[in-house]
Amino acid sequence: MTFNDNARINTQRTQKRSGGGKTAAVGGGSLVVVLGLWALSALTGVNLMPLAGVATDATSQLGGGSSAAVELENCDRGSQANERDECRMAATADAVDQFWTEQVSNYRPATLILFEGATSSQCGTASAQTGPFYCPPEEKIYLDVGFFRTLSSQYGASTGSLAQMYVLAHEWGHHISKLIGTINVDRASGQASGSVRLELQADCFAGAWMRNATSAKDQDGNTLLAPITEAQLNDAMSAAAAVGDDHIMQSSGMRVDPERFTHGTSEQRQRWLMTGFTEGPTSCNTFEVPAEKL
């Protein structure tokens, strides 16, 4: 999906941090460490490490450092969003925020934090290793755009524009789950667990935004986004498949263990993304779906 070149981008939902420390590799090859850091956090989900009691050990090995707020430069036009990942994320935050403002009563916006290397949050250290995540206490989304390269090189996802937008729209979906109260679920793992249902709801919310993305306007009333093409939709579906629990386990050389699922299979993630895309946000109550139909 591309932004109209002359559209004016509102970047007030986005902040940028610079000067964070570099991250160190996390030791240990246990499934808990691998899936705790990657599947629970990096794979476009809520950072659950502190809630699961993993963060203390994991983030102690990350060079969090201090990060200073810096200006997000040259990101005020659609043409810039089409050229630079950071600008694309800022513009996507503008478009996603507009959509949910109209959908959720008593809505309040999330804030997107762009960073490089590492930065601190109330949910633990944000880094390229932990990937994008939503921090519920802060109502902030943390994202290092370098994650998109990792998603492509290690897990085979498309690097297309809508694939990237899907990642952010998914994280914003967790914010919507917080606002409507569904984020407070049992975080146990398993095929039909609360964790899986929460992630699939965020996928569905991402699809619901994609369905209505072209409704976003700039302050002059110009349309922000051009219509989605079939190729771009396939890019988003590629990203959704890449972050399925079964695909991650297979790619990591692990046995596929449904009892360890926290995000859903590739098929589920694609299906719920398309459910939101074809039916809208009212179709996204994954918590009422029987386990056999999830």
Protein backbone atom coordinates (compact mmCIF):
# COMPACT_ATOMS: atom_id res chain seq x y z
CA MET A 1 0.00 0.00 0.00
CA THR A 2 1.36 3.41 -0.90
CA PHE A 3 0.71 6.90 0.38
CA ASN A 4 -0.35 9.61 -2.01
CA ASP A 5 2.79 11.62 -2.67
CA ASN A 6 1.39 15.04 -1.82
CA ALA A 7 -0.57 13.99 1.26
CA ARG A 8 0.47 15.74 4.46
CA ILE A 9 1.40 13.35 7.29
CA ASN A 10 0.51 14.10 10.89
CA THR A 11 3.42 12.75 12.95
CA GLN A 12 2.09 13.69 16.38
CA ARG A 13 1.38 10.03 17.22
CA THR A 14 5.05 9.15 16.69
CA GLN A 15 8.15 9.82 18.75
CA LYS A 16 11.75 8.92 17.96
CA ARG A 17 14.49 8.01 20.41
CA SER A 18 18.20 7.92 19.75
CA GLY A 19 21.29 7.06 21.73
CA GLY A 20 20.18 3.75 23.25
CA GLY A 21 22.74 1.09 24.06
CA LYS A 22 23.55 -1.83 21.82
CA THR A 23 22.01 -5.16 22.60
CA ALA A 24 23.85 -8.29 23.58
CA ALA A 25 22.89 -11.75 22.42
CA VAL A 26 20.67 -13.62 24.84
CA GLY A 27 22.27 -16.82 25.95
CA GLY A 28 20.68 -20.18 26.47
CA GLY A 29 18.95 -22.35 23.91
CA SER A 30 15.90 -23.34 25.93
CA LEU A 31 12.46 -23.12 24.38
CA VAL A 32 11.38 -20.78 27.15
CA VAL A 33 14.09 -18.26 26.29
CA VAL A 34 13.64 -18.52 22.53
CA LEU A 35 9.87 -18.30 22.52
CA GLY A 36 9.76 -15.94 25.49
CA LEU A 37 11.88 -13.34 23.74
CA TRP A 38 10.81 -13.99 20.18
CA ALA A 39 7.29 -15.40 20.04
CA LEU A 40 5.93 -13.43 22.96
CA SER A 41 7.54 -10.16 21.98
CA ALA A 42 9.20 -9.97 18.60
CA LEU A 43 6.49 -11.66 16.65
CA THR A 44 4.25 -8.64 16.54
CA GLY A 45 2.70 -9.18 19.94
CA VAL A 46 2.44 -7.79 23.43
CA ASN A 47 5.73 -7.84 25.34
CA LEU A 48 4.77 -10.39 27.99
CA MET A 49 8.25 -10.99 29.38
CA PRO A 50 7.74 -9.06 32.63
CA LEU A 51 4.34 -10.65 33.18
CA ALA A 52 5.76 -14.12 32.59
CA GLY A 53 8.70 -13.56 34.89
CA VAL A 54 11.21 -13.81 32.06
CA ALA A 55 12.22 -10.19 31.72
CA THR A 56 14.60 -10.04 34.66
CA ASP A 57 16.98 -12.61 33.22
CA ALA A 58 16.52 -11.65 29.57
CA THR A 59 16.76 -7.90 29.79
CA SER A 60 19.72 -8.05 32.14
CA GLN A 61 21.74 -9.13 29.11
CA LEU A 62 20.55 -6.23 26.98
CA GLY A 63 22.46 -2.97 26.94
CA GLY A 64 19.42 -0.78 27.49
CA GLY A 65 21.26 2.49 27.96
CA SER A 66 19.52 5.84 27.98
CA SER A 67 17.70 7.20 24.96
CA ALA A 68 17.06 10.80 24.10
CA ALA A 69 14.03 12.04 22.19
CA VAL A 70 14.97 13.42 18.79
CA GLU A 71 13.02 15.06 16.02
CA LEU A 72 11.52 12.86 13.35
CA GLU A 73 12.83 14.74 10.34
CA ASN A 74 11.52 14.89 6.77
CA CYS A 75 8.48 12.71 7.35
CA ASP A 76 5.65 15.11 6.64
CA ARG A 77 4.72 14.04 3.09
CA GLY A 78 3.37 10.87 1.57
CA SER A 79 6.27 10.69 -0.85
CA GLN A 80 8.67 10.42 2.10
CA ALA A 81 6.53 7.69 3.67
CA ASN A 82 6.83 5.73 0.43
CA GLU A 83 10.62 5.97 0.52
CA ARG A 84 11.63 5.53 4.18
CA ASP A 85 10.54 2.89 6.66
CA GLU A 86 10.45 5.29 9.62
CA CYS A 87 8.27 7.73 7.72
CA ARG A 88 6.04 4.89 6.56
CA MET A 89 5.49 3.84 10.16
CA ALA A 90 4.72 7.42 11.25
CA ALA A 91 2.25 7.81 8.39
CA THR A 92 0.67 4.44 9.20
CA ALA A 93 0.23 5.51 12.82
CA ASP A 94 -1.61 8.59 11.54
CA ALA A 95 -3.91 6.48 9.34
CA VAL A 96 -4.56 3.74 11.93
CA ASP A 97 -5.30 6.30 14.63
CA GLN A 98 -7.86 8.01 12.42
CA PHE A 99 -9.67 4.73 11.81
CA TRP A 100 -9.94 3.69 15.45
CA THR A 101 -10.98 7.17 16.54
CA GLU A 102 -14.19 6.55 14.61
CA GLN A 103 -14.67 2.97 15.81
CA VAL A 104 -14.14 2.98 19.58
CA SER A 105 -16.10 5.09 22.03
CA ASN A 106 -13.92 7.00 24.52
CA TYR A 107 -10.96 6.23 22.30
CA ARG A 108 -7.52 7.50 23.24
CA PRO A 109 -4.54 7.16 20.90
CA ALA A 110 -1.49 5.01 21.36
CA THR A 111 1.99 6.44 20.83
CA LEU A 112 4.52 4.92 18.46
CA ILE A 113 8.12 4.96 19.72
CA LEU A 114 10.70 4.51 16.96
CA PHE A 115 14.21 3.67 18.13
CA GLU A 116 17.52 2.18 17.06
CA GLY A 117 19.51 -0.34 19.05
CA ALA A 118 17.72 -0.43 22.38
CA THR A 119 15.60 1.70 24.66
CA SER A 120 13.82 1.21 27.96
CA SER A 121 10.12 0.80 28.64
CA GLN A 122 7.92 -0.13 31.57
CA CYS A 123 7.59 -3.56 29.96
CA GLY A 124 11.33 -4.18 29.77
CA THR A 125 14.07 -3.32 27.32
CA ALA A 126 13.01 -2.75 23.73
CA SER A 127 15.55 -3.94 21.19
CA ALA A 128 15.98 -5.41 17.74
CA GLN A 129 15.98 -8.81 19.46
CA THR A 130 12.65 -8.33 21.23
CA GLY A 131 11.10 -6.79 18.13
CA PRO A 132 7.96 -4.62 18.02
CA PHE A 133 5.65 -4.76 21.01
CA TYR A 134 2.82 -2.91 22.72
CA CYS A 135 3.41 -1.91 26.35
CA PRO A 136 -0.03 -1.74 28.04
CA PRO A 137 0.88 0.41 31.09
CA GLU A 138 2.31 3.12 28.83
CA GLU A 139 -0.06 2.62 25.90
CA LYS A 140 2.99 2.84 23.65
CA ILE A 141 4.22 0.74 20.75
CA TYR A 142 7.98 0.19 20.48
CA LEU A 143 9.47 -0.51 17.05
CA ASP A 144 12.93 -0.63 15.52
CA VAL A 145 12.43 -0.67 11.75
CA GLY A 146 15.46 -2.95 11.50
CA PHE A 147 13.05 -5.68 12.61
CA PHE A 148 11.63 -5.84 9.10
CA ARG A 149 14.97 -7.06 7.75
CA THR A 150 15.05 -9.80 10.39
CA LEU A 151 11.49 -10.82 9.62
CA SER A 152 12.43 -11.23 5.98
CA SER A 153 15.88 -12.81 6.30
CA GLN A 154 15.12 -15.27 9.11
CA TYR A 155 11.45 -16.06 8.59
CA GLY A 156 10.82 -15.44 4.91
CA ALA A 157 8.26 -12.67 5.20
CA SER A 158 7.73 -10.10 2.48
CA THR A 159 9.30 -6.70 2.99
CA GLY A 160 6.52 -4.96 1.04
CA SER A 161 4.89 -1.81 2.36
CA LEU A 162 1.66 -3.43 3.53
CA ALA A 163 3.61 -6.20 5.28
CA GLN A 164 5.28 -3.50 7.36
CA MET A 165 2.00 -1.68 7.95
CA TYR A 166 0.40 -4.92 9.09
CA VAL A 167 3.00 -5.22 11.87
CA LEU A 168 2.15 -1.78 13.25
CA ALA A 169 -1.61 -2.22 12.75
CA HIS A 170 -1.36 -5.48 14.71
CA GLU A 171 0.35 -3.71 17.60
CA TRP A 172 -2.28 -0.98 17.51
CA GLY A 173 -4.81 -3.80 17.66
CA HIS A 174 -3.44 -4.71 21.09
CA HIS A 175 -4.11 -1.14 22.15
CA ILE A 176 -7.73 -1.55 21.03
CA SER A 177 -7.91 -4.79 23.01
CA LYS A 178 -6.81 -2.85 26.07
CA LEU A 179 -9.40 -0.13 25.51
CA ILE A 180 -12.25 -2.62 25.17
CA GLY A 181 -11.02 -4.80 28.04
CA THR A 182 -10.08 -8.02 26.25
CA ILE A 183 -6.36 -7.70 26.93
CA ASN A 184 -6.84 -8.88 30.51
CA VAL A 185 -6.79 -12.59 29.74
CA ASP A 186 -5.01 -15.64 31.05
CA ARG A 187 -1.59 -15.57 29.37
CA ALA A 188 -1.10 -19.33 29.40
CA SER A 189 0.07 -21.02 26.21
CA GLY A 190 -1.85 -23.57 24.16
CA GLN A 191 -3.83 -23.88 20.94
CA ALA A 192 -6.94 -22.12 22.21
CA SER A 193 -5.35 -20.15 25.04
CA GLY A 194 -6.08 -16.56 25.94
CA SER A 195 -2.70 -15.57 24.53
CA VAL A 196 -3.52 -17.04 21.12
CA ARG A 197 -6.99 -15.49 21.09
CA LEU A 198 -5.52 -12.09 21.96
CA GLU A 199 -3.01 -12.28 19.11
CA LEU A 200 -5.62 -13.41 16.60
CA GLN A 201 -7.86 -10.55 17.68
CA ALA A 202 -5.02 -8.12 16.96
CA ASP A 203 -4.58 -9.72 13.53
CA CYS A 204 -8.29 -9.30 12.88
CA PHE A 205 -8.17 -5.66 13.99
CA ALA A 206 -5.24 -5.12 11.63
CA GLY A 207 -7.32 -6.53 8.79
CA ALA A 208 -10.26 -4.32 9.75
CA TRP A 209 -8.03 -1.26 9.43
CA MET A 210 -6.70 -2.45 6.07
CA ARG A 211 -10.30 -2.78 4.87
CA ASN A 212 -10.90 0.89 5.61
CA ALA A 213 -7.40 2.32 5.19
CA THR A 214 -8.25 4.56 2.25
CA SER A 215 -10.74 6.50 4.37
CA ALA A 216 -7.90 8.34 6.16
CA LYS A 217 -7.46 11.99 5.19
CA ASP A 218 -4.81 14.61 5.78
CA GLN A 219 -5.58 17.99 7.33
CA ASP A 220 -6.42 19.39 3.90
CA GLY A 221 -8.95 16.65 3.23
CA ASN A 222 -6.75 14.73 0.81
CA THR A 223 -6.78 10.93 0.88
CA LEU A 224 -3.67 9.55 2.57
CA LEU A 225 -3.51 6.11 0.98
CA ALA A 226 -4.00 4.63 -2.44
CA PRO A 227 -6.21 1.50 -2.71
CA ILE A 228 -4.69 -1.85 -1.78
CA THR A 229 -3.53 -4.02 -4.65
CA GLU A 230 -3.70 -7.81 -4.69
CA ALA A 231 0.09 -7.99 -4.57
CA GLN A 232 0.19 -5.77 -1.47
CA LEU A 233 -2.47 -7.87 0.26
CA ASN A 234 -0.35 -10.93 -0.47
CA ASP A 235 2.59 -9.14 1.19
CA ALA A 236 0.56 -8.70 4.38
CA MET A 237 -0.54 -12.33 4.26
CA SER A 238 3.10 -13.34 3.88
CA ALA A 239 4.02 -11.45 7.04
CA ALA A 240 1.12 -13.01 8.96
CA ALA A 241 2.20 -16.50 7.90
CA ALA A 242 5.81 -15.82 8.86
CA VAL A 243 4.87 -15.12 12.47
CA GLY A 244 2.76 -18.24 13.03
CA ASP A 245 3.89 -20.35 15.96
CA ASP A 246 4.23 -23.48 13.83
CA HIS A 247 6.34 -21.69 11.21
CA ILE A 248 8.59 -20.15 13.86
CA MET A 249 9.19 -23.49 15.54
CA GLN A 250 9.93 -25.18 12.23
CA SER A 251 12.26 -22.37 11.15
CA SER A 252 14.11 -22.64 14.45
CA GLY A 253 14.59 -26.38 14.08
CA MET A 254 12.14 -27.18 16.87
CA ARG A 255 9.36 -29.71 17.06
CA VAL A 256 5.96 -28.10 16.51
CA ASP A 257 4.32 -28.25 19.94
CA PRO A 258 0.76 -26.87 20.08
CA GLU A 259 0.94 -26.69 23.87
CA ARG A 260 3.59 -23.96 23.45
CA PHE A 261 1.53 -21.85 21.04
CA THR A 262 1.14 -18.22 22.07
CA HIS A 263 0.24 -16.48 18.80
CA GLY A 264 -1.57 -19.02 16.63
CA THR A 265 -0.58 -20.95 13.54
CA SER A 266 0.28 -19.37 10.21
CA GLU A 267 -3.10 -20.48 8.87
CA GLN A 268 -4.96 -18.95 11.80
CA ARG A 269 -3.11 -15.66 11.59
CA GLN A 270 -3.80 -15.34 7.88
CA ARG A 271 -7.44 -16.35 8.30
CA TRP A 272 -8.15 -13.86 11.08
CA LEU A 273 -6.37 -11.10 9.18
CA MET A 274 -8.69 -11.79 6.26
CA THR A 275 -11.71 -12.03 8.56
CA GLY A 276 -11.11 -8.46 9.67
CA PHE A 277 -10.41 -7.40 6.09
CA THR A 278 -13.62 -8.84 4.70
CA GLU A 279 -15.99 -8.36 7.64
CA GLY A 280 -14.70 -5.42 9.70
CA PRO A 281 -13.97 -4.96 13.42
CA THR A 282 -17.24 -6.41 14.69
CA SER A 283 -16.06 -9.83 13.48
CA CYS A 284 -13.01 -9.82 15.76
CA ASN A 285 -14.33 -11.28 19.02
CA THR A 286 -12.00 -14.25 19.04
CA PHE A 287 -12.81 -14.91 22.69
CA GLU A 288 -16.29 -16.20 21.87
CA VAL A 289 -15.17 -18.61 19.16
CA PRO A 290 -15.20 -22.33 20.12
CA ALA A 291 -11.74 -23.83 20.28
CA GLU A 292 -12.35 -26.10 17.31
CA LYS A 293 -13.26 -23.10 15.11
CA LEU A 294 -10.58 -20.69 16.31
